[in-house]
Amino acid sequence: QGIKSYRDLPLRLYENGCCHRNEPHGALH
């Protein structure tokens, strides 16, 4: 989003990101 310049770097983006992965039932622990 928007034009980034070399002066903008490094850009460190952080997220407490909720994710889902379809693990087999038998592998859950």
mmCIF file of all heavy atoms, coordinates in Angstrom:
data_MODEL
# 
_entry.id   MODEL 
# 
loop_
_atom_site.group_PDB 
_atom_site.id 
_atom_site.type_symbol 
_atom_site.label_atom_id 
_atom_site.label_alt_id 
_atom_site.label_comp_id 
_atom_site.label_asym_id 
_atom_site.label_entity_id 
_atom_site.label_seq_id 
_atom_site.pdbx_PDB_ins_code 
_atom_site.Cartn_x 
_atom_site.Cartn_y 
_atom_site.Cartn_z 
_atom_site.occupancy 
_atom_site.B_iso_or_equiv 
_atom_site.pdbx_formal_charge 
_atom_site.auth_seq_id 
_atom_site.auth_comp_id 
_atom_site.auth_asym_id 
_atom_site.auth_atom_id 
_atom_site.pdbx_PDB_model_num 
ATOM 1   N N   . GLN A 1 1  ? 0.844   -1.197  0.000  1.00 0.00 ? 1  GLN A N   1 
ATOM 2   C CA  . GLN A 1 1  ? 0.000   0.000   0.000  1.00 0.00 ? 1  GLN A CA  1 
ATOM 3   C C   . GLN A 1 1  ? 0.878   1.246   0.000  1.00 0.00 ? 1  GLN A C   1 
ATOM 4   O O   . GLN A 1 1  ? 1.610   1.516   0.951  1.00 0.00 ? 1  GLN A O   1 
ATOM 5   C CB  . GLN A 1 1  ? -0.917  0.005   1.226  1.00 0.00 ? 1  GLN A CB  1 
ATOM 6   C CG  . GLN A 1 1  ? -1.967  -1.087  1.210  1.00 0.00 ? 1  GLN A CG  1 
ATOM 7   C CD  . GLN A 1 1  ? -2.916  -0.949  0.024  1.00 0.00 ? 1  GLN A CD  1 
ATOM 8   O OE1 . GLN A 1 1  ? -3.607  0.058   -0.109 1.00 0.00 ? 1  GLN A OE1 1 
ATOM 9   N NE2 . GLN A 1 1  ? -2.930  -1.953  -0.843 1.00 0.00 ? 1  GLN A NE2 1 
ATOM 10  N N   . GLY A 1 2  ? 0.812   2.000   -1.062 1.00 0.00 ? 2  GLY A N   1 
ATOM 11  C CA  . GLY A 1 2  ? 1.645   3.192   -1.192 1.00 0.00 ? 2  GLY A CA  1 
ATOM 12  C C   . GLY A 1 2  ? 3.035   2.839   -1.689 1.00 0.00 ? 2  GLY A C   1 
ATOM 13  O O   . GLY A 1 2  ? 3.467   1.693   -1.655 1.00 0.00 ? 2  GLY A O   1 
ATOM 14  N N   . ILE A 1 3  ? 3.741   3.827   -2.155 1.00 0.00 ? 3  ILE A N   1 
ATOM 15  C CA  . ILE A 1 3  ? 5.094   3.640   -2.689 1.00 0.00 ? 3  ILE A CA  1 
ATOM 16  C C   . ILE A 1 3  ? 6.086   3.652   -1.536 1.00 0.00 ? 3  ILE A C   1 
ATOM 17  O O   . ILE A 1 3  ? 6.075   4.547   -0.693 1.00 0.00 ? 3  ILE A O   1 
ATOM 18  C CB  . ILE A 1 3  ? 5.436   4.754   -3.710 1.00 0.00 ? 3  ILE A CB  1 
ATOM 19  C CG1 . ILE A 1 3  ? 4.471   4.684   -4.894 1.00 0.00 ? 3  ILE A CG1 1 
ATOM 20  C CG2 . ILE A 1 3  ? 6.888   4.632   -4.166 1.00 0.00 ? 3  ILE A CG2 1 
ATOM 21  C CD1 . ILE A 1 3  ? 4.613   5.841   -5.857 1.00 0.00 ? 3  ILE A CD1 1 
ATOM 22  N N   . LYS A 1 4  ? 6.931   2.641   -1.498 1.00 0.00 ? 4  LYS A N   1 
ATOM 23  C CA  . LYS A 1 4  ? 7.961   2.563   -0.472 1.00 0.00 ? 4  LYS A CA  1 
ATOM 24  C C   . LYS A 1 4  ? 9.309   2.955   -1.061 1.00 0.00 ? 4  LYS A C   1 
ATOM 25  O O   . LYS A 1 4  ? 9.646   2.576   -2.187 1.00 0.00 ? 4  LYS A O   1 
ATOM 26  C CB  . LYS A 1 4  ? 8.049   1.146   0.099  1.00 0.00 ? 4  LYS A CB  1 
ATOM 27  C CG  . LYS A 1 4  ? 6.765   0.649   0.764  1.00 0.00 ? 4  LYS A CG  1 
ATOM 28  C CD  . LYS A 1 4  ? 6.433   1.437   2.011  1.00 0.00 ? 4  LYS A CD  1 
ATOM 29  C CE  . LYS A 1 4  ? 5.227   0.851   2.744  1.00 0.00 ? 4  LYS A CE  1 
ATOM 30  N NZ  . LYS A 1 4  ? 3.984   0.892   1.961  1.00 0.00 ? 4  LYS A NZ  1 
ATOM 31  N N   . SER A 1 5  ? 10.057  3.734   -0.278 1.00 0.00 ? 5  SER A N   1 
ATOM 32  C CA  . SER A 1 5  ? 11.398  4.152   -0.665 1.00 0.00 ? 5  SER A CA  1 
ATOM 33  C C   . SER A 1 5  ? 12.425  3.334   0.104  1.00 0.00 ? 5  SER A C   1 
ATOM 34  O O   . SER A 1 5  ? 12.120  2.751   1.157  1.00 0.00 ? 5  SER A O   1 
ATOM 35  C CB  . SER A 1 5  ? 11.580  5.639   -0.356 1.00 0.00 ? 5  SER A CB  1 
ATOM 36  O OG  . SER A 1 5  ? 12.942  5.988   -0.302 1.00 0.00 ? 5  SER A OG  1 
ATOM 37  N N   . TYR A 1 6  ? 13.645  3.320   -0.395 1.00 0.00 ? 6  TYR A N   1 
ATOM 38  C CA  . TYR A 1 6  ? 14.723  2.655   0.326  1.00 0.00 ? 6  TYR A CA  1 
ATOM 39  C C   . TYR A 1 6  ? 14.915  3.273   1.706  1.00 0.00 ? 6  TYR A C   1 
ATOM 40  O O   . TYR A 1 6  ? 15.404  2.628   2.635  1.00 0.00 ? 6  TYR A O   1 
ATOM 41  C CB  . TYR A 1 6  ? 16.024  2.718   -0.483 1.00 0.00 ? 6  TYR A CB  1 
ATOM 42  C CG  . TYR A 1 6  ? 16.626  4.102   -0.614 1.00 0.00 ? 6  TYR A CG  1 
ATOM 43  C CD1 . TYR A 1 6  ? 17.633  4.527   0.251  1.00 0.00 ? 6  TYR A CD1 1 
ATOM 44  C CD2 . TYR A 1 6  ? 16.204  4.984   -1.601 1.00 0.00 ? 6  TYR A CD2 1 
ATOM 45  C CE1 . TYR A 1 6  ? 18.189  5.791   0.139  1.00 0.00 ? 6  TYR A CE1 1 
ATOM 46  C CE2 . TYR A 1 6  ? 16.753  6.241   -1.729 1.00 0.00 ? 6  TYR A CE2 1 
ATOM 47  C CZ  . TYR A 1 6  ? 17.744  6.647   -0.850 1.00 0.00 ? 6  TYR A CZ  1 
ATOM 48  O OH  . TYR A 1 6  ? 18.297  7.906   -0.970 1.00 0.00 ? 6  TYR A OH  1 
ATOM 49  N N   . ARG A 1 7  ? 14.506  4.551   1.849  1.00 0.00 ? 7  ARG A N   1 
ATOM 50  C CA  . ARG A 1 7  ? 14.631  5.216   3.150  1.00 0.00 ? 7  ARG A CA  1 
ATOM 51  C C   . ARG A 1 7  ? 13.621  4.674   4.164  1.00 0.00 ? 7  ARG A C   1 
ATOM 52  O O   . ARG A 1 7  ? 13.792  4.851   5.373  1.00 0.00 ? 7  ARG A O   1 
ATOM 53  C CB  . ARG A 1 7  ? 14.420  6.728   3.003  1.00 0.00 ? 7  ARG A CB  1 
ATOM 54  C CG  . ARG A 1 7  ? 15.490  7.442   2.175  1.00 0.00 ? 7  ARG A CG  1 
ATOM 55  C CD  . ARG A 1 7  ? 15.280  8.939   2.255  1.00 0.00 ? 7  ARG A CD  1 
ATOM 56  N NE  . ARG A 1 7  ? 16.232  9.674   1.438  1.00 0.00 ? 7  ARG A NE  1 
ATOM 57  C CZ  . ARG A 1 7  ? 16.037  10.004  0.166  1.00 0.00 ? 7  ARG A CZ  1 
ATOM 58  N NH1 . ARG A 1 7  ? 14.889  9.658   -0.425 1.00 0.00 ? 7  ARG A NH1 1 
ATOM 59  N NH2 . ARG A 1 7  ? 16.942  10.668  -0.515 1.00 0.00 ? 7  ARG A NH2 1 
ATOM 60  N N   . ASP A 1 8  ? 12.539  4.044   3.685  1.00 0.00 ? 8  ASP A N   1 
ATOM 61  C CA  . ASP A 1 8  ? 11.513  3.494   4.581  1.00 0.00 ? 8  ASP A CA  1 
ATOM 62  C C   . ASP A 1 8  ? 11.933  2.155   5.190  1.00 0.00 ? 8  ASP A C   1 
ATOM 63  O O   . ASP A 1 8  ? 11.244  1.645   6.082  1.00 0.00 ? 8  ASP A O   1 
ATOM 64  C CB  . ASP A 1 8  ? 10.193  3.281   3.821  1.00 0.00 ? 8  ASP A CB  1 
ATOM 65  C CG  . ASP A 1 8  ? 9.623   4.576   3.280  1.00 0.00 ? 8  ASP A CG  1 
ATOM 66  O OD1 . ASP A 1 8  ? 9.698   5.588   4.004  1.00 0.00 ? 8  ASP A OD1 1 
ATOM 67  O OD2 . ASP A 1 8  ? 9.120   4.570   2.142  1.00 0.00 ? 8  ASP A OD2 1 
ATOM 68  N N   . LEU A 1 9  ? 13.012  1.600   4.680  1.00 0.00 ? 9  LEU A N   1 
ATOM 69  C CA  . LEU A 1 9  ? 13.426  0.266   5.107  1.00 0.00 ? 9  LEU A CA  1 
ATOM 70  C C   . LEU A 1 9  ? 14.555  0.352   6.135  1.00 0.00 ? 9  LEU A C   1 
ATOM 71  O O   . LEU A 1 9  ? 15.372  1.280   6.076  1.00 0.00 ? 9  LEU A O   1 
ATOM 72  C CB  . LEU A 1 9  ? 13.869  -0.565  3.895  1.00 0.00 ? 9  LEU A CB  1 
ATOM 73  C CG  . LEU A 1 9  ? 12.846  -0.678  2.763  1.00 0.00 ? 9  LEU A CG  1 
ATOM 74  C CD1 . LEU A 1 9  ? 13.379  -1.592  1.672  1.00 0.00 ? 9  LEU A CD1 1 
ATOM 75  C CD2 . LEU A 1 9  ? 11.514  -1.169  3.272  1.00 0.00 ? 9  LEU A CD2 1 
ATOM 76  N N   . PRO A 1 10 ? 14.585  -0.558  7.089  1.00 0.00 ? 10 PRO A N   1 
ATOM 77  C CA  . PRO A 1 10 ? 13.701  -1.714  7.242  1.00 0.00 ? 10 PRO A CA  1 
ATOM 78  C C   . PRO A 1 10 ? 12.332  -1.323  7.803  1.00 0.00 ? 10 PRO A C   1 
ATOM 79  O O   . PRO A 1 10 ? 12.234  -0.429  8.639  1.00 0.00 ? 10 PRO A O   1 
ATOM 80  C CB  . PRO A 1 10 ? 14.442  -2.602  8.236  1.00 0.00 ? 10 PRO A CB  1 
ATOM 81  C CG  . PRO A 1 10 ? 15.245  -1.640  9.063  1.00 0.00 ? 10 PRO A CG  1 
ATOM 82  C CD  . PRO A 1 10 ? 15.639  -0.544  8.131  1.00 0.00 ? 10 PRO A CD  1 
ATOM 83  N N   . LEU A 1 11 ? 11.295  -2.018  7.332  1.00 0.00 ? 11 LEU A N   1 
ATOM 84  C CA  . LEU A 1 11 ? 9.942   -1.865  7.847  1.00 0.00 ? 11 LEU A CA  1 
ATOM 85  C C   . LEU A 1 11 ? 9.586   -3.148  8.573  1.00 0.00 ? 11 LEU A C   1 
ATOM 86  O O   . LEU A 1 11 ? 9.538   -4.220  7.982  1.00 0.00 ? 11 LEU A O   1 
ATOM 87  C CB  . LEU A 1 11 ? 8.962   -1.603  6.705  1.00 0.00 ? 11 LEU A CB  1 
ATOM 88  C CG  . LEU A 1 11 ? 7.485   -1.477  7.096  1.00 0.00 ? 11 LEU A CG  1 
ATOM 89  C CD1 . LEU A 1 11 ? 7.271   -0.312  8.050  1.00 0.00 ? 11 LEU A CD1 1 
ATOM 90  C CD2 . LEU A 1 11 ? 6.614   -1.305  5.845  1.00 0.00 ? 11 LEU A CD2 1 
ATOM 91  N N   . ARG A 1 12 ? 9.339   -3.021  9.894  1.00 0.00 ? 12 ARG A N   1 
ATOM 92  C CA  . ARG A 1 12 ? 9.085   -4.200  10.730 1.00 0.00 ? 12 ARG A CA  1 
ATOM 93  C C   . ARG A 1 12 ? 7.605   -4.219  11.094 1.00 0.00 ? 12 ARG A C   1 
ATOM 94  O O   . ARG A 1 12 ? 7.160   -3.393  11.906 1.00 0.00 ? 12 ARG A O   1 
ATOM 95  C CB  . ARG A 1 12 ? 9.957   -4.160  11.979 1.00 0.00 ? 12 ARG A CB  1 
ATOM 96  C CG  . ARG A 1 12 ? 11.447  -3.960  11.686 1.00 0.00 ? 12 ARG A CG  1 
ATOM 97  C CD  . ARG A 1 12 ? 12.275  -3.893  12.974 1.00 0.00 ? 12 ARG A CD  1 
ATOM 98  N NE  . ARG A 1 12 ? 13.647  -3.502  12.673 1.00 0.00 ? 12 ARG A NE  1 
ATOM 99  C CZ  . ARG A 1 12 ? 14.127  -2.276  12.820 1.00 0.00 ? 12 ARG A CZ  1 
ATOM 100 N NH1 . ARG A 1 12 ? 13.329  -1.301  13.262 1.00 0.00 ? 12 ARG A NH1 1 
ATOM 101 N NH2 . ARG A 1 12 ? 15.376  -2.006  12.531 1.00 0.00 ? 12 ARG A NH2 1 
ATOM 102 N N   . LEU A 1 13 ? 6.849   -5.152  10.512 1.00 0.00 ? 13 LEU A N   1 
ATOM 103 C CA  . LEU A 1 13 ? 5.413   -5.273  10.768 1.00 0.00 ? 13 LEU A CA  1 
ATOM 104 C C   . LEU A 1 13 ? 5.168   -6.456  11.697 1.00 0.00 ? 13 LEU A C   1 
ATOM 105 O O   . LEU A 1 13 ? 5.594   -7.582  11.409 1.00 0.00 ? 13 LEU A O   1 
ATOM 106 C CB  . LEU A 1 13 ? 4.642   -5.474  9.459  1.00 0.00 ? 13 LEU A CB  1 
ATOM 107 C CG  . LEU A 1 13 ? 4.756   -4.341  8.430  1.00 0.00 ? 13 LEU A CG  1 
ATOM 108 C CD1 . LEU A 1 13 ? 3.921   -4.675  7.197  1.00 0.00 ? 13 LEU A CD1 1 
ATOM 109 C CD2 . LEU A 1 13 ? 4.308   -3.008  9.022  1.00 0.00 ? 13 LEU A CD2 1 
ATOM 110 N N   . TYR A 1 14 ? 4.452   -6.195  12.794 1.00 0.00 ? 14 TYR A N   1 
ATOM 111 C CA  . TYR A 1 14 ? 4.209   -7.213  13.822 1.00 0.00 ? 14 TYR A CA  1 
ATOM 112 C C   . TYR A 1 14 ? 2.712   -7.457  13.946 1.00 0.00 ? 14 TYR A C   1 
ATOM 113 O O   . TYR A 1 14 ? 1.910   -6.535  13.825 1.00 0.00 ? 14 TYR A O   1 
ATOM 114 C CB  . TYR A 1 14 ? 4.751   -6.741  15.171 1.00 0.00 ? 14 TYR A CB  1 
ATOM 115 C CG  . TYR A 1 14 ? 4.436   -7.680  16.320 1.00 0.00 ? 14 TYR A CG  1 
ATOM 116 C CD1 . TYR A 1 14 ? 5.288   -8.737  16.625 1.00 0.00 ? 14 TYR A CD1 1 
ATOM 117 C CD2 . TYR A 1 14 ? 3.289   -7.524  17.080 1.00 0.00 ? 14 TYR A CD2 1 
ATOM 118 C CE1 . TYR A 1 14 ? 5.000   -9.610  17.669 1.00 0.00 ? 14 TYR A CE1 1 
ATOM 119 C CE2 . TYR A 1 14 ? 2.986   -8.390  18.128 1.00 0.00 ? 14 TYR A CE2 1 
ATOM 120 C CZ  . TYR A 1 14 ? 3.847   -9.431  18.412 1.00 0.00 ? 14 TYR A CZ  1 
ATOM 121 O OH  . TYR A 1 14 ? 3.571   -10.296 19.436 1.00 0.00 ? 14 TYR A OH  1 
ATOM 122 N N   . GLU A 1 15 ? 2.338   -8.728  14.214 1.00 0.00 ? 15 GLU A N   1 
ATOM 123 C CA  . GLU A 1 15 ? 0.934   -9.047  14.432 1.00 0.00 ? 15 GLU A CA  1 
ATOM 124 C C   . GLU A 1 15 ? 0.803   -10.215 15.396 1.00 0.00 ? 15 GLU A C   1 
ATOM 125 O O   . GLU A 1 15 ? 1.473   -11.238 15.238 1.00 0.00 ? 15 GLU A O   1 
ATOM 126 C CB  . GLU A 1 15 ? 0.239   -9.416  13.111 1.00 0.00 ? 15 GLU A CB  1 
ATOM 127 C CG  . GLU A 1 15 ? -1.232  -9.771  13.290 1.00 0.00 ? 15 GLU A CG  1 
ATOM 128 C CD  . GLU A 1 15 ? -1.976  -9.969  11.976 1.00 0.00 ? 15 GLU A CD  1 
ATOM 129 O OE1 . GLU A 1 15 ? -1.324  -9.995  10.913 1.00 0.00 ? 15 GLU A OE1 1 
ATOM 130 O OE2 . GLU A 1 15 ? -3.211  -10.082 12.024 1.00 0.00 ? 15 GLU A OE2 1 
ATOM 131 N N   . ASN A 1 16 ? -0.081  -10.046 16.397 1.00 0.00 ? 16 ASN A N   1 
ATOM 132 C CA  . ASN A 1 16 ? -0.541  -11.202 17.159 1.00 0.00 ? 16 ASN A CA  1 
ATOM 133 C C   . ASN A 1 16 ? -1.627  -11.840 16.307 1.00 0.00 ? 16 ASN A C   1 
ATOM 134 O O   . ASN A 1 16 ? -2.816  -11.590 16.495 1.00 0.00 ? 16 ASN A O   1 
ATOM 135 C CB  . ASN A 1 16 ? -1.082  -10.765 18.524 1.00 0.00 ? 16 ASN A CB  1 
ATOM 136 C CG  . ASN A 1 16 ? 0.037   -10.367 19.467 1.00 0.00 ? 16 ASN A CG  1 
ATOM 137 O OD1 . ASN A 1 16 ? 1.028   -11.076 19.594 1.00 0.00 ? 16 ASN A OD1 1 
ATOM 138 N ND2 . ASN A 1 16 ? -0.107  -9.224  20.119 1.00 0.00 ? 16 ASN A ND2 1 
ATOM 139 N N   . GLY A 1 17 ? -1.185  -12.633 15.354 1.00 0.00 ? 17 GLY A N   1 
ATOM 140 C CA  . GLY A 1 17 ? -2.066  -13.087 14.281 1.00 0.00 ? 17 GLY A CA  1 
ATOM 141 C C   . GLY A 1 17 ? -2.696  -14.434 14.558 1.00 0.00 ? 17 GLY A C   1 
ATOM 142 O O   . GLY A 1 17 ? -1.999  -15.442 14.728 1.00 0.00 ? 17 GLY A O   1 
ATOM 143 N N   . CYS A 1 18 ? -4.019  -14.471 14.584 1.00 0.00 ? 18 CYS A N   1 
ATOM 144 C CA  . CYS A 1 18 ? -4.760  -15.722 14.777 1.00 0.00 ? 18 CYS A CA  1 
ATOM 145 C C   . CYS A 1 18 ? -4.802  -16.491 13.461 1.00 0.00 ? 18 CYS A C   1 
ATOM 146 O O   . CYS A 1 18 ? -5.245  -15.962 12.435 1.00 0.00 ? 18 CYS A O   1 
ATOM 147 C CB  . CYS A 1 18 ? -6.164  -15.425 15.270 1.00 0.00 ? 18 CYS A CB  1 
ATOM 148 S SG  . CYS A 1 18 ? -7.151  -16.909 15.560 1.00 0.00 ? 18 CYS A SG  1 
ATOM 149 N N   . CYS A 1 19 ? -4.337  -17.735 13.470 1.00 0.00 ? 19 CYS A N   1 
ATOM 150 C CA  . CYS A 1 19 ? -4.254  -18.560 12.260 1.00 0.00 ? 19 CYS A CA  1 
ATOM 151 C C   . CYS A 1 19 ? -4.954  -19.903 12.503 1.00 0.00 ? 19 CYS A C   1 
ATOM 152 O O   . CYS A 1 19 ? -5.173  -20.315 13.638 1.00 0.00 ? 19 CYS A O   1 
ATOM 153 C CB  . CYS A 1 19 ? -2.794  -18.815 11.879 1.00 0.00 ? 19 CYS A CB  1 
ATOM 154 S SG  . CYS A 1 19 ? -1.860  -17.320 11.511 1.00 0.00 ? 19 CYS A SG  1 
ATOM 155 N N   . HIS A 1 20 ? -5.304  -20.568 11.395 1.00 0.00 ? 20 HIS A N   1 
ATOM 156 C CA  . HIS A 1 20 ? -5.943  -21.881 11.463 1.00 0.00 ? 20 HIS A CA  1 
ATOM 157 C C   . HIS A 1 20 ? -5.220  -22.837 10.523 1.00 0.00 ? 20 HIS A C   1 
ATOM 158 O O   . HIS A 1 20 ? -4.945  -22.480 9.371  1.00 0.00 ? 20 HIS A O   1 
ATOM 159 C CB  . HIS A 1 20 ? -7.413  -21.806 11.040 1.00 0.00 ? 20 HIS A CB  1 
ATOM 160 C CG  . HIS A 1 20 ? -8.287  -21.065 12.007 1.00 0.00 ? 20 HIS A CG  1 
ATOM 161 N ND1 . HIS A 1 20 ? -8.308  -19.687 12.090 1.00 0.00 ? 20 HIS A ND1 1 
ATOM 162 C CD2 . HIS A 1 20 ? -9.163  -21.522 12.938 1.00 0.00 ? 20 HIS A CD2 1 
ATOM 163 C CE1 . HIS A 1 20 ? -9.175  -19.329 13.031 1.00 0.00 ? 20 HIS A CE1 1 
ATOM 164 N NE2 . HIS A 1 20 ? -9.706  -20.415 13.554 1.00 0.00 ? 20 HIS A NE2 1 
ATOM 165 N N   . ARG A 1 21 ? -4.930  -24.034 11.023 1.00 0.00 ? 21 ARG A N   1 
ATOM 166 C CA  . ARG A 1 21 ? -4.340  -25.080 10.190 1.00 0.00 ? 21 ARG A CA  1 
ATOM 167 C C   . ARG A 1 21 ? -5.103  -26.378 10.429 1.00 0.00 ? 21 ARG A C   1 
ATOM 168 O O   . ARG A 1 21 ? -5.396  -26.735 11.568 1.00 0.00 ? 21 ARG A O   1 
ATOM 169 C CB  . ARG A 1 21 ? -2.848  -25.257 10.492 1.00 0.00 ? 21 ARG A CB  1 
ATOM 170 C CG  . ARG A 1 21 ? -2.036  -24.028 10.100 1.00 0.00 ? 21 ARG A CG  1 
ATOM 171 C CD  . ARG A 1 21 ? -0.564  -24.161 10.352 1.00 0.00 ? 21 ARG A CD  1 
ATOM 172 N NE  . ARG A 1 21 ? 0.107   -22.896 10.070 1.00 0.00 ? 21 ARG A NE  1 
ATOM 173 C CZ  . ARG A 1 21 ? 1.391   -22.645 10.335 1.00 0.00 ? 21 ARG A CZ  1 
ATOM 174 N NH1 . ARG A 1 21 ? 2.147   -23.585 10.880 1.00 0.00 ? 21 ARG A NH1 1 
ATOM 175 N NH2 . ARG A 1 21 ? 1.907   -21.470 10.053 1.00 0.00 ? 21 ARG A NH2 1 
ATOM 176 N N   . ASN A 1 22 ? -5.383  -27.072 9.340  1.00 0.00 ? 22 ASN A N   1 
ATOM 177 C CA  . ASN A 1 22 ? -6.243  -28.259 9.406  1.00 0.00 ? 22 ASN A CA  1 
ATOM 178 C C   . ASN A 1 22 ? -5.428  -29.487 9.792  1.00 0.00 ? 22 ASN A C   1 
ATOM 179 O O   . ASN A 1 22 ? -5.125  -30.350 8.973  1.00 0.00 ? 22 ASN A O   1 
ATOM 180 C CB  . ASN A 1 22 ? -6.932  -28.465 8.059  1.00 0.00 ? 22 ASN A CB  1 
ATOM 181 C CG  . ASN A 1 22 ? -8.060  -29.467 8.140  1.00 0.00 ? 22 ASN A CG  1 
ATOM 182 O OD1 . ASN A 1 22 ? -8.345  -30.008 9.198  1.00 0.00 ? 22 ASN A OD1 1 
ATOM 183 N ND2 . ASN A 1 22 ? -8.708  -29.717 7.027  1.00 0.00 ? 22 ASN A ND2 1 
ATOM 184 N N   . GLU A 1 23 ? -5.080  -29.551 11.075 1.00 0.00 ? 23 GLU A N   1 
ATOM 185 C CA  . GLU A 1 23 ? -4.319  -30.688 11.590 1.00 0.00 ? 23 GLU A CA  1 
ATOM 186 C C   . GLU A 1 23 ? -5.246  -31.896 11.756 1.00 0.00 ? 23 GLU A C   1 
ATOM 187 O O   . GLU A 1 23 ? -6.411  -31.746 12.141 1.00 0.00 ? 23 GLU A O   1 
ATOM 188 C CB  . GLU A 1 23 ? -3.703  -30.337 12.946 1.00 0.00 ? 23 GLU A CB  1 
ATOM 189 C CG  . GLU A 1 23 ? -2.772  -29.127 12.934 1.00 0.00 ? 23 GLU A CG  1 
ATOM 190 C CD  . GLU A 1 23 ? -1.397  -29.454 12.404 1.00 0.00 ? 23 GLU A CD  1 
ATOM 191 O OE1 . GLU A 1 23 ? -1.188  -30.613 11.978 1.00 0.00 ? 23 GLU A OE1 1 
ATOM 192 O OE2 . GLU A 1 23 ? -0.537  -28.564 12.394 1.00 0.00 ? 23 GLU A OE2 1 
ATOM 193 N N   . PRO A 1 24 ? -4.755  -33.118 11.493 1.00 0.00 ? 24 PRO A N   1 
ATOM 194 C CA  . PRO A 1 24 ? -5.578  -34.310 11.724 1.00 0.00 ? 24 PRO A CA  1 
ATOM 195 C C   . PRO A 1 24 ? -5.988  -34.417 13.192 1.00 0.00 ? 24 PRO A C   1 
ATOM 196 O O   . PRO A 1 24 ? -5.213  -34.045 14.083 1.00 0.00 ? 24 PRO A O   1 
ATOM 197 C CB  . PRO A 1 24 ? -4.646  -35.468 11.334 1.00 0.00 ? 24 PRO A CB  1 
ATOM 198 C CG  . PRO A 1 24 ? -3.573  -34.848 10.507 1.00 0.00 ? 24 PRO A CG  1 
ATOM 199 C CD  . PRO A 1 24 ? -3.418  -33.449 10.973 1.00 0.00 ? 24 PRO A CD  1 
ATOM 200 N N   . HIS A 1 25 ? -7.180  -34.944 13.446 1.00 0.00 ? 25 HIS A N   1 
ATOM 201 C CA  . HIS A 1 25 ? -7.664  -35.065 14.820 1.00 0.00 ? 25 HIS A CA  1 
ATOM 202 C C   . HIS A 1 25 ? -6.676  -35.832 15.692 1.00 0.00 ? 25 HIS A C   1 
ATOM 203 O O   . HIS A 1 25 ? -6.435  -35.464 16.842 1.00 0.00 ? 25 HIS A O   1 
ATOM 204 C CB  . HIS A 1 25 ? -9.026  -35.759 14.845 1.00 0.00 ? 25 HIS A CB  1 
ATOM 205 C CG  . HIS A 1 25 ? -10.142 -34.889 14.344 1.00 0.00 ? 25 HIS A CG  1 
ATOM 206 N ND1 . HIS A 1 25 ? -11.473 -35.181 14.572 1.00 0.00 ? 25 HIS A ND1 1 
ATOM 207 C CD2 . HIS A 1 25 ? -10.140 -33.731 13.634 1.00 0.00 ? 25 HIS A CD2 1 
ATOM 208 C CE1 . HIS A 1 25 ? -12.226 -34.249 14.027 1.00 0.00 ? 25 HIS A CE1 1 
ATOM 209 N NE2 . HIS A 1 25 ? -11.441 -33.371 13.441 1.00 0.00 ? 25 HIS A NE2 1 
ATOM 210 N N   . GLY A 1 26 ? -6.116  -36.903 15.147 1.00 0.00 ? 26 GLY A N   1 
ATOM 211 C CA  . GLY A 1 26 ? -5.223  -37.740 15.947 1.00 0.00 ? 26 GLY A CA  1 
ATOM 212 C C   . GLY A 1 26 ? -3.908  -37.080 16.298 1.00 0.00 ? 26 GLY A C   1 
ATOM 213 O O   . GLY A 1 26 ? -3.202  -37.545 17.188 1.00 0.00 ? 26 GLY A O   1 
ATOM 214 N N   . ALA A 1 27 ? -3.567  -35.994 15.605 1.00 0.00 ? 27 ALA A N   1 
ATOM 215 C CA  . ALA A 1 27 ? -2.298  -35.313 15.872 1.00 0.00 ? 27 ALA A CA  1 
ATOM 216 C C   . ALA A 1 27 ? -2.437  -34.212 16.914 1.00 0.00 ? 27 ALA A C   1 
ATOM 217 O O   . ALA A 1 27 ? -1.440  -33.680 17.392 1.00 0.00 ? 27 ALA A O   1 
ATOM 218 C CB  . ALA A 1 27 ? -1.747  -34.716 14.571 1.00 0.00 ? 27 ALA A CB  1 
ATOM 219 N N   . LEU A 1 28 ? -3.671  -33.858 17.276 1.00 0.00 ? 28 LEU A N   1 
ATOM 220 C CA  . LEU A 1 28 ? -3.894  -32.761 18.216 1.00 0.00 ? 28 LEU A CA  1 
ATOM 221 C C   . LEU A 1 28 ? -3.426  -33.174 19.611 1.00 0.00 ? 28 LEU A C   1 
ATOM 222 O O   . LEU A 1 28 ? -3.592  -34.312 20.028 1.00 0.00 ? 28 LEU A O   1 
ATOM 223 C CB  . LEU A 1 28 ? -5.371  -32.377 18.236 1.00 0.00 ? 28 LEU A CB  1 
ATOM 224 C CG  . LEU A 1 28 ? -5.949  -31.941 16.880 1.00 0.00 ? 28 LEU A CG  1 
ATOM 225 C CD1 . LEU A 1 28 ? -7.448  -31.710 16.998 1.00 0.00 ? 28 LEU A CD1 1 
ATOM 226 C CD2 . LEU A 1 28 ? -5.250  -30.688 16.362 1.00 0.00 ? 28 LEU A CD2 1 
ATOM 227 N N   . HIS A 1 29 ? -2.852  -32.205 20.337 1.00 0.00 ? 29 HIS A N   1 
ATOM 228 C CA  . HIS A 1 29 ? -2.304  -32.530 21.656 1.00 0.00 ? 29 HIS A CA  1 
ATOM 229 C C   . HIS A 1 29 ? -2.345  -31.293 22.545 1.00 0.00 ? 29 HIS A C   1 
ATOM 230 O O   . HIS A 1 29 ? -1.438  -30.464 22.519 1.00 0.00 ? 29 HIS A O   1 
ATOM 231 C CB  . HIS A 1 29 ? -0.864  -33.032 21.527 1.00 0.00 ? 29 HIS A CB  1 
ATOM 232 C CG  . HIS A 1 29 ? -0.224  -33.367 22.846 1.00 0.00 ? 29 HIS A CG  1 
ATOM 233 N ND1 . HIS A 1 29 ? -0.571  -34.482 23.581 1.00 0.00 ? 29 HIS A ND1 1 
ATOM 234 C CD2 . HIS A 1 29 ? 0.731   -32.739 23.564 1.00 0.00 ? 29 HIS A CD2 1 
ATOM 235 C CE1 . HIS A 1 29 ? 0.161   -34.527 24.685 1.00 0.00 ? 29 HIS A CE1 1 
ATOM 236 N NE2 . HIS A 1 29 ? 0.950   -33.467 24.699 1.00 0.00 ? 29 HIS A NE2 1 
# 
